Amino acid sequence: MENEHLLISFTDNGNGIADKDLAKIFEPFFSTKKGTGSGLGLWICYNIITEHGGRIGVKSKLNVGTTIQITLPF
């Protein structure tokens, strides 16, 4: 099972994320939603995943949607 990984992919057809914001989405307290949320959700996910030797990546297009891929080692 060496070098085997689990890939989890989430896709939506929502508003998407602007290119200018993509680089910031894993920063603590960053949010595009004014007045709601703490901006910690993706930061917490990023830290948990990387602490387990995994990776998380995002592809997004405005007005099309977003895909988040998580890769974790077995």
N, C-alpha and C. Protein backbone atom coordinates (compact mmCIF):
# COMPACT_ATOMS: atom_id res chain seq x y z
N MET A 1 0.80 -1.19 0.00
CA MET A 1 0.00 0.00 0.00
C MET A 1 0.85 1.26 0.00
N GLU A 2 2.15 1.09 -0.14
CA GLU A 2 3.01 2.26 -0.17
C GLU A 2 2.67 3.12 -1.39
N ASN A 3 2.66 4.43 -1.20
CA ASN A 3 2.34 5.40 -2.25
C ASN A 3 0.89 5.35 -2.72
N GLU A 4 0.02 4.69 -1.96
CA GLU A 4 -1.40 4.69 -2.32
C GLU A 4 -2.09 5.82 -1.57
N HIS A 5 -3.02 6.45 -2.26
CA HIS A 5 -3.71 7.60 -1.71
C HIS A 5 -5.21 7.51 -1.96
N LEU A 6 -5.94 8.18 -1.12
CA LEU A 6 -7.37 8.33 -1.28
C LEU A 6 -7.61 9.73 -1.83
N LEU A 7 -8.40 9.83 -2.90
CA LEU A 7 -8.74 11.12 -3.48
C LEU A 7 -10.22 11.38 -3.23
N ILE A 8 -10.51 12.50 -2.60
CA ILE A 8 -11.88 12.93 -2.35
C ILE A 8 -12.08 14.22 -3.11
N SER A 9 -13.15 14.29 -3.88
CA SER A 9 -13.40 15.47 -4.70
C SER A 9 -14.82 15.96 -4.47
N PHE A 10 -14.95 17.26 -4.23
CA PHE A 10 -16.25 17.91 -4.05
C PHE A 10 -16.41 18.95 -5.15
N THR A 11 -17.53 18.93 -5.83
CA THR A 11 -17.79 19.90 -6.89
C THR A 11 -19.16 20.52 -6.70
N ASP A 12 -19.23 21.82 -6.91
CA ASP A 12 -20.53 22.48 -6.89
C ASP A 12 -20.69 23.33 -8.15
N ASN A 13 -21.88 23.80 -8.37
CA ASN A 13 -22.12 24.67 -9.52
C ASN A 13 -22.59 26.04 -9.02
N GLY A 14 -21.94 26.50 -7.93
CA GLY A 14 -22.29 27.78 -7.33
C GLY A 14 -21.65 28.96 -8.03
N ASN A 15 -21.40 30.01 -7.25
CA ASN A 15 -20.87 31.25 -7.80
C ASN A 15 -19.41 31.18 -8.20
N GLY A 16 -18.68 30.22 -7.67
CA GLY A 16 -17.25 30.15 -7.93
C GLY A 16 -16.48 31.14 -7.08
N ILE A 17 -15.16 31.11 -7.23
CA ILE A 17 -14.27 31.97 -6.45
C ILE A 17 -13.45 32.80 -7.43
N ALA A 18 -13.41 34.09 -7.19
CA ALA A 18 -12.64 34.98 -8.06
C ALA A 18 -11.16 34.64 -8.02
N ASP A 19 -10.48 34.79 -9.14
CA ASP A 19 -9.04 34.49 -9.22
C ASP A 19 -8.26 35.23 -8.14
N LYS A 20 -8.62 36.49 -7.87
CA LYS A 20 -7.89 37.28 -6.89
C LYS A 20 -8.03 36.72 -5.48
N ASP A 21 -9.07 35.93 -5.23
CA ASP A 21 -9.31 35.36 -3.91
C ASP A 21 -8.76 33.94 -3.74
N LEU A 22 -8.53 33.24 -4.83
CA LEU A 22 -8.08 31.84 -4.75
C LEU A 22 -6.82 31.66 -3.92
N ALA A 23 -5.88 32.54 -4.06
CA ALA A 23 -4.62 32.42 -3.33
C ALA A 23 -4.78 32.63 -1.83
N LYS A 24 -5.92 33.19 -1.41
CA LYS A 24 -6.11 33.55 0.00
C LYS A 24 -7.06 32.63 0.75
N ILE A 25 -7.71 31.69 0.08
CA ILE A 25 -8.81 30.97 0.73
C ILE A 25 -8.38 30.08 1.89
N PHE A 26 -7.11 29.72 1.97
CA PHE A 26 -6.64 28.90 3.09
C PHE A 26 -6.01 29.74 4.21
N GLU A 27 -6.08 31.05 4.09
CA GLU A 27 -5.56 31.94 5.13
C GLU A 27 -6.59 32.08 6.25
N PRO A 28 -6.13 32.12 7.51
CA PRO A 28 -7.09 32.29 8.60
C PRO A 28 -7.82 33.63 8.52
N PHE A 29 -9.09 33.60 8.79
CA PHE A 29 -9.98 34.76 8.84
C PHE A 29 -10.29 35.37 7.49
N PHE A 30 -9.89 34.73 6.40
CA PHE A 30 -10.25 35.24 5.08
C PHE A 30 -11.64 34.74 4.72
N SER A 31 -12.48 35.64 4.30
CA SER A 31 -13.82 35.28 3.85
C SER A 31 -14.31 36.30 2.84
N THR A 32 -15.05 35.84 1.86
CA THR A 32 -15.69 36.75 0.92
C THR A 32 -17.12 37.03 1.35
N LYS A 33 -17.58 36.34 2.37
CA LYS A 33 -18.95 36.49 2.85
C LYS A 33 -18.96 37.48 4.01
N LYS A 34 -19.35 38.66 3.73
CA LYS A 34 -19.34 39.71 4.75
C LYS A 34 -20.47 39.47 5.75
N GLY A 35 -20.10 39.49 7.03
CA GLY A 35 -21.09 39.38 8.09
C GLY A 35 -21.46 37.96 8.49
N THR A 36 -20.94 36.95 7.79
CA THR A 36 -21.23 35.56 8.17
C THR A 36 -19.95 34.76 8.19
N GLY A 37 -19.89 33.79 9.06
CA GLY A 37 -18.72 32.92 9.14
C GLY A 37 -17.52 33.60 9.76
N SER A 38 -16.55 32.77 10.12
CA SER A 38 -15.35 33.29 10.77
C SER A 38 -14.15 33.32 9.83
N GLY A 39 -14.25 32.66 8.68
CA GLY A 39 -13.11 32.58 7.78
C GLY A 39 -12.08 31.58 8.25
N LEU A 40 -12.49 30.65 9.12
CA LEU A 40 -11.55 29.65 9.64
C LEU A 40 -11.77 28.25 9.08
N GLY A 41 -12.88 28.00 8.43
CA GLY A 41 -13.22 26.66 7.99
C GLY A 41 -12.18 26.01 7.09
N LEU A 42 -11.84 26.65 5.98
CA LEU A 42 -10.86 26.07 5.07
C LEU A 42 -9.45 26.07 5.66
N TRP A 43 -9.15 27.04 6.50
CA TRP A 43 -7.85 27.07 7.17
C TRP A 43 -7.71 25.87 8.09
N ILE A 44 -8.76 25.55 8.85
CA ILE A 44 -8.75 24.37 9.73
C ILE A 44 -8.62 23.10 8.89
N CYS A 45 -9.40 22.99 7.83
CA CYS A 45 -9.31 21.82 6.95
C CYS A 45 -7.91 21.65 6.39
N TYR A 46 -7.33 22.74 5.90
CA TYR A 46 -5.98 22.70 5.35
C TYR A 46 -4.98 22.16 6.37
N ASN A 47 -5.06 22.65 7.59
CA ASN A 47 -4.11 22.22 8.62
C ASN A 47 -4.30 20.76 9.01
N ILE A 48 -5.52 20.31 9.15
CA ILE A 48 -5.77 18.90 9.48
C ILE A 48 -5.26 18.00 8.37
N ILE A 49 -5.58 18.34 7.13
CA ILE A 49 -5.18 17.51 5.99
C ILE A 49 -3.66 17.46 5.85
N THR A 50 -2.99 18.60 5.93
CA THR A 50 -1.53 18.59 5.76
C THR A 50 -0.84 17.92 6.93
N GLU A 51 -1.39 18.02 8.14
CA GLU A 51 -0.80 17.32 9.29
C GLU A 51 -0.88 15.81 9.14
N HIS A 52 -1.80 15.32 8.32
CA HIS A 52 -1.93 13.89 8.05
C HIS A 52 -1.20 13.48 6.77
N GLY A 53 -0.37 14.38 6.25
CA GLY A 53 0.42 14.06 5.07
C GLY A 53 -0.34 14.20 3.76
N GLY A 54 -1.47 14.87 3.79
CA GLY A 54 -2.30 15.03 2.60
C GLY A 54 -2.13 16.39 1.95
N ARG A 55 -2.94 16.57 0.93
CA ARG A 55 -2.95 17.84 0.19
C ARG A 55 -4.39 18.23 -0.08
N ILE A 56 -4.62 19.52 -0.22
CA ILE A 56 -5.93 20.03 -0.61
C ILE A 56 -5.71 21.07 -1.69
N GLY A 57 -6.50 21.00 -2.73
CA GLY A 57 -6.39 21.94 -3.83
C GLY A 57 -7.76 22.39 -4.29
N VAL A 58 -7.78 23.53 -4.94
CA VAL A 58 -9.04 24.13 -5.38
C VAL A 58 -8.91 24.59 -6.83
N LYS A 59 -9.95 24.30 -7.60
CA LYS A 59 -10.10 24.84 -8.95
C LYS A 59 -11.46 25.51 -8.97
N SER A 60 -11.52 26.72 -9.48
CA SER A 60 -12.78 27.44 -9.47
C SER A 60 -12.86 28.38 -10.64
N LYS A 61 -14.09 28.60 -11.10
CA LYS A 61 -14.34 29.54 -12.17
C LYS A 61 -15.59 30.32 -11.80
N LEU A 62 -15.49 31.64 -11.87
CA LEU A 62 -16.62 32.49 -11.53
C LEU A 62 -17.86 32.13 -12.35
N ASN A 63 -18.98 32.09 -11.69
CA ASN A 63 -20.29 31.80 -12.29
C ASN A 63 -20.38 30.41 -12.89
N VAL A 64 -19.44 29.54 -12.57
CA VAL A 64 -19.47 28.16 -13.05
C VAL A 64 -19.48 27.18 -11.88
N GLY A 65 -18.54 27.35 -10.94
CA GLY A 65 -18.49 26.48 -9.77
C GLY A 65 -17.08 26.24 -9.29
N THR A 66 -16.99 25.36 -8.29
CA THR A 66 -15.72 25.10 -7.61
C THR A 66 -15.56 23.61 -7.38
N THR A 67 -14.32 23.13 -7.52
CA THR A 67 -13.98 21.76 -7.17
C THR A 67 -12.85 21.81 -6.15
N ILE A 68 -13.05 21.09 -5.06
CA ILE A 68 -12.02 20.94 -4.03
C ILE A 68 -11.60 19.49 -4.03
N GLN A 69 -10.29 19.25 -4.14
CA GLN A 69 -9.75 17.90 -4.12
C GLN A 69 -8.85 17.72 -2.92
N ILE A 70 -9.11 16.63 -2.20
CA ILE A 70 -8.32 16.28 -1.03
C ILE A 70 -7.65 14.95 -1.31
N THR A 71 -6.36 14.88 -1.09
CA THR A 71 -5.60 13.64 -1.25
C THR A 71 -5.00 13.28 0.09
N LEU A 72 -5.28 12.04 0.54
CA LEU A 72 -4.76 11.55 1.82
C LEU A 72 -4.04 10.22 1.61
N PRO A 73 -2.91 10.03 2.27
CA PRO A 73 -2.23 8.75 2.15
C PRO A 73 -2.97 7.68 2.96
N PHE A 74 -2.90 6.45 2.48
CA PHE A 74 -3.49 5.33 3.24
C PHE A 74 -2.64 5.01 4.43
